[in-house]
Amino acid sequence: DPKYSLNPVVCVGDQIAEAWLTHHPGRKAEAKARVLEMLDVVRIRHPERVYHLCPHEISGGQGQRIMIAMMLIADPELVIADEPTSALDVSVRLQVLGLLDDLVQSRGLGLIFISHDINLVRSFCDRVLVMYAGRVVESIAAEDLH
């Protein structure tokens, strides 16, 4: 949930830049340009304006997109999404999942999607691992879920 993950007193652009600078130290001059590019990639309208907003000034859907931008700015090979849309209403949830799916496909990322929503898992995932007490107890193709 972005409300709890974002620092409430730091503008969102600076928080994304911090993630980029962690992986690219000493390249502060490039950071803002990379952040604006990433905000555009995650379909944030008016990235220059949003860059300077505080977390309380953005919607839940924007917050989720900002978290995705923060996650992807480091160019990971694997993304772990733990209940990434649980705090969103249904229409925004589908938009964010569509965005995440597009980004995973276009960037060739691996995705571990953690959810308790079986219908969501069935429509969004290829393979499902059911876990109990930290162990895999079942493995099944998502299309075979009933």
N, C-alpha and C. Protein backbone atom coordinates (compact mmCIF):
# COMPACT_ATOMS: atom_id res chain seq x y z
N ASP A 1 0.85 -1.17 0.00
CA ASP A 1 0.00 0.00 0.00
C ASP A 1 0.90 1.24 0.00
N PRO A 2 0.82 2.05 -1.04
CA PRO A 2 1.68 3.23 -1.15
C PRO A 2 1.56 4.19 0.03
N LYS A 3 0.39 4.24 0.67
CA LYS A 3 0.22 5.15 1.81
C LYS A 3 1.23 4.84 2.92
N TYR A 4 1.58 3.59 3.06
CA TYR A 4 2.50 3.18 4.11
C TYR A 4 3.93 2.99 3.61
N SER A 5 4.11 2.92 2.31
CA SER A 5 5.43 2.67 1.75
C SER A 5 6.17 3.94 1.37
N LEU A 6 5.44 5.00 1.06
CA LEU A 6 6.06 6.26 0.66
C LEU A 6 6.28 7.15 1.88
N ASN A 7 7.40 7.85 1.89
CA ASN A 7 7.71 8.79 2.96
C ASN A 7 6.77 9.99 2.82
N PRO A 8 5.97 10.30 3.82
CA PRO A 8 4.96 11.36 3.68
C PRO A 8 5.51 12.77 3.53
N VAL A 9 6.77 13.00 3.87
CA VAL A 9 7.31 14.36 3.82
C VAL A 9 8.31 14.59 2.69
N VAL A 10 8.48 13.60 1.82
CA VAL A 10 9.41 13.72 0.69
C VAL A 10 8.62 13.59 -0.60
N CYS A 11 8.85 14.50 -1.55
CA CYS A 11 8.09 14.43 -2.81
C CYS A 11 8.39 13.10 -3.51
N VAL A 12 7.39 12.62 -4.24
CA VAL A 12 7.49 11.28 -4.82
C VAL A 12 8.64 11.17 -5.82
N GLY A 13 8.91 12.23 -6.56
CA GLY A 13 10.01 12.19 -7.51
C GLY A 13 11.35 11.96 -6.84
N ASP A 14 11.57 12.62 -5.72
CA ASP A 14 12.82 12.43 -4.99
C ASP A 14 12.94 11.02 -4.42
N GLN A 15 11.81 10.43 -4.05
CA GLN A 15 11.85 9.06 -3.54
C GLN A 15 12.21 8.07 -4.64
N ILE A 16 11.68 8.28 -5.84
CA ILE A 16 12.04 7.41 -6.97
C ILE A 16 13.50 7.63 -7.33
N ALA A 17 13.94 8.89 -7.33
CA ALA A 17 15.34 9.21 -7.64
C ALA A 17 16.29 8.52 -6.65
N GLU A 18 15.89 8.46 -5.40
CA GLU A 18 16.72 7.79 -4.39
C GLU A 18 16.93 6.32 -4.74
N ALA A 19 15.88 5.66 -5.23
CA ALA A 19 16.01 4.26 -5.64
C ALA A 19 16.99 4.13 -6.81
N TRP A 20 16.92 5.07 -7.75
CA TRP A 20 17.83 5.03 -8.91
C TRP A 20 19.26 5.30 -8.48
N LEU A 21 19.44 6.29 -7.61
CA LEU A 21 20.78 6.67 -7.17
C LEU A 21 21.45 5.58 -6.33
N THR A 22 20.66 4.75 -5.67
CA THR A 22 21.21 3.63 -4.92
C THR A 22 21.98 2.70 -5.86
N HIS A 23 21.47 2.55 -7.08
CA HIS A 23 22.10 1.66 -8.06
C HIS A 23 23.05 2.39 -9.01
N HIS A 24 23.01 3.71 -9.01
CA HIS A 24 23.86 4.53 -9.89
C HIS A 24 24.45 5.69 -9.10
N PRO A 25 25.29 5.40 -8.10
CA PRO A 25 25.82 6.47 -7.26
C PRO A 25 26.65 7.48 -8.07
N GLY A 26 26.56 8.73 -7.66
CA GLY A 26 27.34 9.77 -8.31
C GLY A 26 26.76 10.28 -9.61
N ARG A 27 25.56 9.84 -9.98
CA ARG A 27 24.97 10.27 -11.25
C ARG A 27 23.69 11.06 -10.99
N LYS A 28 23.77 11.95 -10.01
CA LYS A 28 22.61 12.73 -9.58
C LYS A 28 22.03 13.58 -10.70
N ALA A 29 22.88 14.08 -11.60
CA ALA A 29 22.40 14.94 -12.69
C ALA A 29 21.43 14.20 -13.61
N GLU A 30 21.58 12.90 -13.73
CA GLU A 30 20.71 12.10 -14.60
C GLU A 30 19.42 11.66 -13.90
N ALA A 31 19.42 11.71 -12.59
CA ALA A 31 18.34 11.10 -11.81
C ALA A 31 16.97 11.66 -12.17
N LYS A 32 16.81 12.98 -12.22
CA LYS A 32 15.49 13.55 -12.48
C LYS A 32 14.98 13.15 -13.86
N ALA A 33 15.86 13.16 -14.87
CA ALA A 33 15.44 12.77 -16.22
C ALA A 33 14.98 11.31 -16.24
N ARG A 34 15.69 10.44 -15.53
CA ARG A 34 15.30 9.02 -15.47
C ARG A 34 13.96 8.86 -14.75
N VAL A 35 13.76 9.63 -13.69
CA VAL A 35 12.49 9.55 -12.95
C VAL A 35 11.34 10.00 -13.83
N LEU A 36 11.49 11.11 -14.53
CA LEU A 36 10.42 11.61 -15.41
C LEU A 36 10.12 10.59 -16.51
N GLU A 37 11.16 9.98 -17.04
CA GLU A 37 10.97 8.93 -18.06
C GLU A 37 10.19 7.76 -17.48
N MET A 38 10.54 7.34 -16.26
CA MET A 38 9.87 6.20 -15.64
C MET A 38 8.43 6.54 -15.28
N LEU A 39 8.15 7.76 -14.84
CA LEU A 39 6.76 8.16 -14.57
C LEU A 39 5.94 8.10 -15.85
N ASP A 40 6.54 8.45 -16.96
CA ASP A 40 5.85 8.35 -18.25
C ASP A 40 5.61 6.88 -18.61
N VAL A 41 6.59 6.02 -18.37
CA VAL A 41 6.47 4.60 -18.66
C VAL A 41 5.30 3.98 -17.91
N VAL A 42 5.09 4.40 -16.66
CA VAL A 42 4.00 3.83 -15.86
C VAL A 42 2.68 4.60 -16.05
N ARG A 43 2.65 5.41 -17.08
CA ARG A 43 1.43 6.11 -17.53
C ARG A 43 0.90 7.12 -16.52
N ILE A 44 1.81 7.84 -15.89
CA ILE A 44 1.43 8.97 -15.03
C ILE A 44 1.29 10.18 -15.93
N ARG A 45 0.11 10.80 -15.91
CA ARG A 45 -0.07 12.03 -16.69
C ARG A 45 0.64 13.19 -15.99
N HIS A 46 1.24 14.06 -16.77
CA HIS A 46 1.94 15.25 -16.27
C HIS A 46 3.06 14.87 -15.29
N PRO A 47 4.03 14.07 -15.74
CA PRO A 47 5.10 13.61 -14.84
C PRO A 47 5.85 14.74 -14.14
N GLU A 48 6.07 15.85 -14.83
CA GLU A 48 6.82 16.97 -14.24
C GLU A 48 6.08 17.52 -13.01
N ARG A 49 4.75 17.60 -13.10
CA ARG A 49 3.96 18.09 -11.97
C ARG A 49 3.93 17.06 -10.83
N VAL A 50 3.71 15.80 -11.20
CA VAL A 50 3.60 14.74 -10.20
C VAL A 50 4.93 14.54 -9.46
N TYR A 51 6.04 14.76 -10.14
CA TYR A 51 7.37 14.62 -9.53
C TYR A 51 7.44 15.38 -8.20
N HIS A 52 6.85 16.56 -8.16
CA HIS A 52 6.97 17.44 -6.99
C HIS A 52 5.86 17.26 -5.95
N LEU A 53 4.94 16.33 -6.17
CA LEU A 53 3.84 16.12 -5.22
C LEU A 53 4.28 15.28 -4.03
N CYS A 54 3.64 15.52 -2.90
CA CYS A 54 3.83 14.68 -1.72
C CYS A 54 2.85 13.51 -1.80
N PRO A 55 3.13 12.41 -1.13
CA PRO A 55 2.25 11.24 -1.21
C PRO A 55 0.78 11.52 -0.89
N HIS A 56 0.48 12.44 0.03
CA HIS A 56 -0.92 12.70 0.37
C HIS A 56 -1.66 13.44 -0.75
N GLU A 57 -0.93 13.90 -1.76
CA GLU A 57 -1.54 14.64 -2.87
C GLU A 57 -1.84 13.77 -4.09
N ILE A 58 -1.60 12.48 -3.99
CA ILE A 58 -1.83 11.59 -5.13
C ILE A 58 -2.93 10.58 -4.79
N SER A 59 -3.56 10.05 -5.83
CA SER A 59 -4.61 9.04 -5.64
C SER A 59 -3.98 7.67 -5.38
N GLY A 60 -4.82 6.72 -5.00
CA GLY A 60 -4.34 5.35 -4.76
C GLY A 60 -3.74 4.73 -6.01
N GLY A 61 -4.39 4.94 -7.15
CA GLY A 61 -3.87 4.40 -8.41
C GLY A 61 -2.54 5.03 -8.80
N GLN A 62 -2.43 6.35 -8.60
CA GLN A 62 -1.16 7.02 -8.88
C GLN A 62 -0.07 6.51 -7.93
N GLY A 63 -0.44 6.32 -6.68
CA GLY A 63 0.52 5.82 -5.70
C GLY A 63 1.06 4.45 -6.09
N GLN A 64 0.16 3.60 -6.57
CA GLN A 64 0.59 2.26 -6.99
C GLN A 64 1.51 2.36 -8.20
N ARG A 65 1.20 3.24 -9.14
CA ARG A 65 2.06 3.44 -10.31
C ARG A 65 3.42 4.00 -9.91
N ILE A 66 3.42 4.88 -8.92
CA ILE A 66 4.69 5.44 -8.43
C ILE A 66 5.53 4.34 -7.79
N MET A 67 4.89 3.44 -7.04
CA MET A 67 5.62 2.32 -6.45
C MET A 67 6.18 1.41 -7.55
N ILE A 68 5.43 1.20 -8.62
CA ILE A 68 5.92 0.39 -9.74
C ILE A 68 7.11 1.09 -10.40
N ALA A 69 7.01 2.41 -10.57
CA ALA A 69 8.14 3.17 -11.15
C ALA A 69 9.37 3.03 -10.26
N MET A 70 9.19 3.13 -8.95
CA MET A 70 10.30 3.02 -8.02
C MET A 70 10.93 1.62 -8.10
N MET A 71 10.10 0.63 -8.29
CA MET A 71 10.57 -0.74 -8.37
C MET A 71 11.34 -0.97 -9.68
N LEU A 72 10.83 -0.44 -10.78
CA LEU A 72 11.41 -0.72 -12.09
C LEU A 72 12.60 0.17 -12.45
N ILE A 73 12.76 1.29 -11.77
CA ILE A 73 13.84 2.22 -12.14
C ILE A 73 15.23 1.59 -11.94
N ALA A 74 15.31 0.57 -11.11
CA ALA A 74 16.58 -0.11 -10.87
C ALA A 74 16.87 -1.20 -11.91
N ASP A 75 16.00 -1.35 -12.91
CA ASP A 75 16.14 -2.36 -13.97
C ASP A 75 16.30 -3.78 -13.40
N PRO A 76 15.34 -4.23 -12.61
CA PRO A 76 15.45 -5.58 -12.03
C PRO A 76 15.18 -6.65 -13.09
N GLU A 77 15.63 -7.86 -12.81
CA GLU A 77 15.31 -9.00 -13.66
C GLU A 77 14.09 -9.73 -13.13
N LEU A 78 13.81 -9.58 -11.84
CA LEU A 78 12.70 -10.25 -11.18
C LEU A 78 11.95 -9.24 -10.32
N VAL A 79 10.63 -9.28 -10.40
CA VAL A 79 9.78 -8.41 -9.60
C VAL A 79 8.94 -9.29 -8.68
N ILE A 80 8.90 -8.94 -7.41
CA ILE A 80 8.04 -9.63 -6.45
C ILE A 80 6.92 -8.66 -6.07
N ALA A 81 5.71 -9.01 -6.44
CA ALA A 81 4.54 -8.15 -6.18
C ALA A 81 3.66 -8.84 -5.14
N ASP A 82 3.68 -8.34 -3.92
CA ASP A 82 2.92 -8.92 -2.82
C ASP A 82 1.62 -8.15 -2.63
N GLU A 83 0.51 -8.74 -3.06
CA GLU A 83 -0.81 -8.10 -3.00
C GLU A 83 -0.74 -6.68 -3.57
N PRO A 84 -0.30 -6.52 -4.82
CA PRO A 84 -0.04 -5.18 -5.35
C PRO A 84 -1.28 -4.31 -5.57
N THR A 85 -2.45 -4.91 -5.56
CA THR A 85 -3.65 -4.11 -5.84
C THR A 85 -4.72 -4.25 -4.77
N SER A 86 -4.39 -4.80 -3.63
CA SER A 86 -5.42 -5.07 -2.62
C SER A 86 -6.09 -3.82 -2.09
N ALA A 87 -5.43 -2.67 -2.13
CA ALA A 87 -6.02 -1.44 -1.58
C ALA A 87 -6.75 -0.61 -2.64
N LEU A 88 -6.88 -1.15 -3.85
CA LEU A 88 -7.46 -0.37 -4.96
C LEU A 88 -8.86 -0.86 -5.31
N ASP A 89 -9.69 0.06 -5.86
CA ASP A 89 -11.00 -0.37 -6.32
C ASP A 89 -10.84 -1.16 -7.62
N VAL A 90 -11.89 -1.85 -8.03
CA VAL A 90 -11.82 -2.81 -9.13
C VAL A 90 -11.32 -2.20 -10.43
N SER A 91 -11.83 -1.04 -10.83
CA SER A 91 -11.42 -0.46 -12.12
C SER A 91 -9.96 -0.04 -12.11
N VAL A 92 -9.50 0.54 -11.02
CA VAL A 92 -8.10 0.95 -10.91
C VAL A 92 -7.22 -0.30 -10.81
N ARG A 93 -7.70 -1.32 -10.11
CA ARG A 93 -6.96 -2.59 -9.99
C ARG A 93 -6.65 -3.17 -11.36
N LEU A 94 -7.64 -3.20 -12.24
CA LEU A 94 -7.43 -3.75 -13.58
C LEU A 94 -6.45 -2.91 -14.39
N GLN A 95 -6.51 -1.59 -14.24
CA GLN A 95 -5.55 -0.72 -14.94
C GLN A 95 -4.13 -1.00 -14.47
N VAL A 96 -3.94 -1.09 -13.17
CA VAL A 96 -2.60 -1.31 -12.62
C VAL A 96 -2.08 -2.69 -13.01
N LEU A 97 -2.95 -3.71 -12.98
CA LEU A 97 -2.52 -5.05 -13.38
C LEU A 97 -2.17 -5.10 -14.86
N GLY A 98 -2.95 -4.40 -15.68
CA GLY A 98 -2.64 -4.32 -17.11
C GLY A 98 -1.29 -3.66 -17.34
N LEU A 99 -1.04 -2.59 -16.62
CA LEU A 99 0.25 -1.89 -16.71
C LEU A 99 1.38 -2.82 -16.28
N LEU A 100 1.22 -3.49 -15.17
CA LEU A 100 2.25 -4.39 -14.67
C LEU A 100 2.52 -5.51 -15.67
N ASP A 101 1.46 -6.07 -16.23
CA ASP A 101 1.61 -7.14 -17.22
C ASP A 101 2.34 -6.62 -18.46
N ASP A 102 1.97 -5.44 -18.95
CA ASP A 102 2.65 -4.85 -20.11
C ASP A 102 4.13 -4.64 -19.84
N LEU A 103 4.45 -4.13 -18.66
CA LEU A 103 5.85 -3.87 -18.33
C LEU A 103 6.65 -5.16 -18.19
N VAL A 104 6.06 -6.17 -17.58
CA VAL A 104 6.74 -7.46 -17.44
C VAL A 104 7.02 -8.05 -18.82
N GLN A 105 6.03 -7.99 -19.72
CA GLN A 105 6.20 -8.53 -21.07
C GLN A 105 7.23 -7.74 -21.86
N SER A 106 7.12 -6.42 -21.87
CA SER A 106 8.00 -5.59 -22.70
C SER A 106 9.44 -5.58 -22.20
N ARG A 107 9.65 -5.78 -20.91
CA ARG A 107 11.01 -5.75 -20.35
C ARG A 107 11.58 -7.13 -20.12
N GLY A 108 10.78 -8.17 -20.38
CA GLY A 108 11.25 -9.54 -20.18
C GLY A 108 11.56 -9.87 -18.73
N LEU A 109 10.74 -9.36 -17.82
CA LEU A 109 10.96 -9.57 -16.39
C LEU A 109 10.31 -10.85 -15.91
N GLY A 110 10.90 -11.44 -14.89
CA GLY A 110 10.23 -12.50 -14.15
C GLY A 110 9.33 -11.84 -13.12
N LEU A 111 8.20 -12.46 -12.81
CA LEU A 111 7.26 -11.89 -11.84
C LEU A 111 6.80 -12.96 -10.88
N ILE A 112 6.97 -12.70 -9.60
CA ILE A 112 6.36 -13.51 -8.56
C ILE A 112 5.21 -12.67 -8.02
N PHE A 113 3.99 -13.17 -8.22
CA PHE A 113 2.78 -12.43 -7.87
C PHE A 113 2.14 -13.12 -6.67
N ILE A 114 2.10 -12.45 -5.55
CA ILE A 114 1.56 -13.02 -4.32
C ILE A 114 0.16 -12.46 -4.10
N SER A 115 -0.82 -13.37 -3.99
CA SER A 115 -2.20 -12.92 -3.81
C SER A 115 -3.05 -14.02 -3.19
N HIS A 116 -4.09 -13.60 -2.48
CA HIS A 116 -5.09 -14.54 -1.97
C HIS A 116 -6.32 -14.57 -2.87
N ASP A 117 -6.35 -13.74 -3.89
CA ASP A 117 -7.50 -13.62 -4.79
C ASP A 117 -7.34 -14.62 -5.94
N ILE A 118 -7.98 -15.77 -5.82
CA ILE A 118 -7.82 -16.85 -6.80
C ILE A 118 -8.29 -16.43 -8.19
N ASN A 119 -9.38 -15.67 -8.28
CA ASN A 119 -9.85 -15.22 -9.59
C ASN A 119 -8.82 -14.32 -10.27
N LEU A 120 -8.22 -13.45 -9.51
CA LEU A 120 -7.17 -12.57 -10.03
C LEU A 120 -5.97 -13.39 -10.47
N VAL A 121 -5.56 -14.34 -9.67
CA VAL A 121 -4.43 -15.21 -10.00
C VAL A 121 -4.71 -15.98 -11.28
N ARG A 122 -5.90 -16.52 -11.40
CA ARG A 122 -6.26 -17.31 -12.58
C ARG A 122 -6.17 -16.48 -13.85
N SER A 123 -6.58 -15.23 -13.80
CA SER A 123 -6.59 -14.40 -15.00
C SER A 123 -5.26 -13.71 -15.28
N PHE A 124 -4.38 -13.63 -14.28
CA PHE A 124 -3.16 -12.84 -14.43
C PHE A 124 -1.88 -13.67 -14.51
N CYS A 125 -1.91 -14.88 -13.97
CA CYS A 125 -0.68 -15.67 -13.85
C CYS A 125 -0.66 -16.85 -14.81
N ASP A 126 0.53 -17.37 -15.04
CA ASP A 126 0.70 -18.57 -15.86
C ASP A 126 0.71 -19.83 -14.99
N ARG A 127 1.40 -19.76 -13.89
CA ARG A 127 1.58 -20.91 -13.02
C ARG A 127 1.31 -20.48 -11.58
N VAL A 128 0.73 -21.38 -10.80
CA VAL A 128 0.36 -21.08 -9.41
C VAL A 128 1.04 -22.07 -8.47
N LEU A 129 1.65 -21.53 -7.44
CA LEU A 129 2.19 -22.34 -6.36
C LEU A 129 1.38 -22.02 -5.11
N VAL A 130 0.79 -23.03 -4.51
CA VAL A 130 0.05 -22.85 -3.26
C VAL A 130 1.01 -23.19 -2.13
N MET A 131 1.10 -22.27 -1.17
CA MET A 131 2.04 -22.47 -0.07
C MET A 131 1.31 -22.56 1.27
N TYR A 132 1.88 -23.34 2.16
CA TYR A 132 1.39 -23.43 3.52
C TYR A 132 2.61 -23.56 4.43
N ALA A 133 2.67 -22.74 5.45
CA ALA A 133 3.76 -22.78 6.43
C ALA A 133 5.12 -22.67 5.74
N GLY A 134 5.19 -21.85 4.70
CA GLY A 134 6.46 -21.60 4.03
C GLY A 134 6.90 -22.68 3.05
N ARG A 135 6.03 -23.63 2.77
CA ARG A 135 6.38 -24.71 1.84
C ARG A 135 5.35 -24.80 0.72
N VAL A 136 5.82 -25.14 -0.47
CA VAL A 136 4.93 -25.35 -1.61
C VAL A 136 4.20 -26.67 -1.39
N VAL A 137 2.86 -26.61 -1.38
CA VAL A 137 2.06 -27.82 -1.20
C VAL A 137 1.34 -28.22 -2.48
N GLU A 138 1.28 -27.31 -3.45
CA GLU A 138 0.64 -27.64 -4.72
C GLU A 138 1.19 -26.72 -5.80
N SER A 139 1.33 -27.27 -7.00
CA SER A 139 1.76 -26.50 -8.16
C SER A 139 0.82 -26.85 -9.31
N ILE A 140 0.29 -25.82 -9.97
CA ILE A 140 -0.72 -26.06 -11.00
C ILE A 140 -0.68 -24.93 -12.03
N ALA A 141 -1.05 -25.23 -13.25
CA ALA A 141 -1.19 -24.19 -14.27
C ALA A 141 -2.39 -23.33 -13.88
N ALA A 142 -2.27 -22.02 -14.03
CA ALA A 142 -3.35 -21.11 -13.62
C ALA A 142 -4.65 -21.42 -14.35
N GLU A 143 -4.56 -21.82 -15.60
CA GLU A 143 -5.78 -22.12 -16.36
C GLU A 143 -6.53 -23.33 -15.81
N ASP A 144 -5.86 -24.17 -15.01
CA ASP A 144 -6.51 -25.35 -14.43
C ASP A 144 -7.16 -25.08 -13.08
N LEU A 145 -7.05 -23.85 -12.57
CA LEU A 145 -7.70 -23.51 -11.31
C LEU A 145 -9.21 -23.47 -11.49
N HIS A 146 -9.92 -23.97 -10.51
CA HIS A 146 -11.39 -23.94 -10.56
C HIS A 146 -11.94 -23.34 -9.30
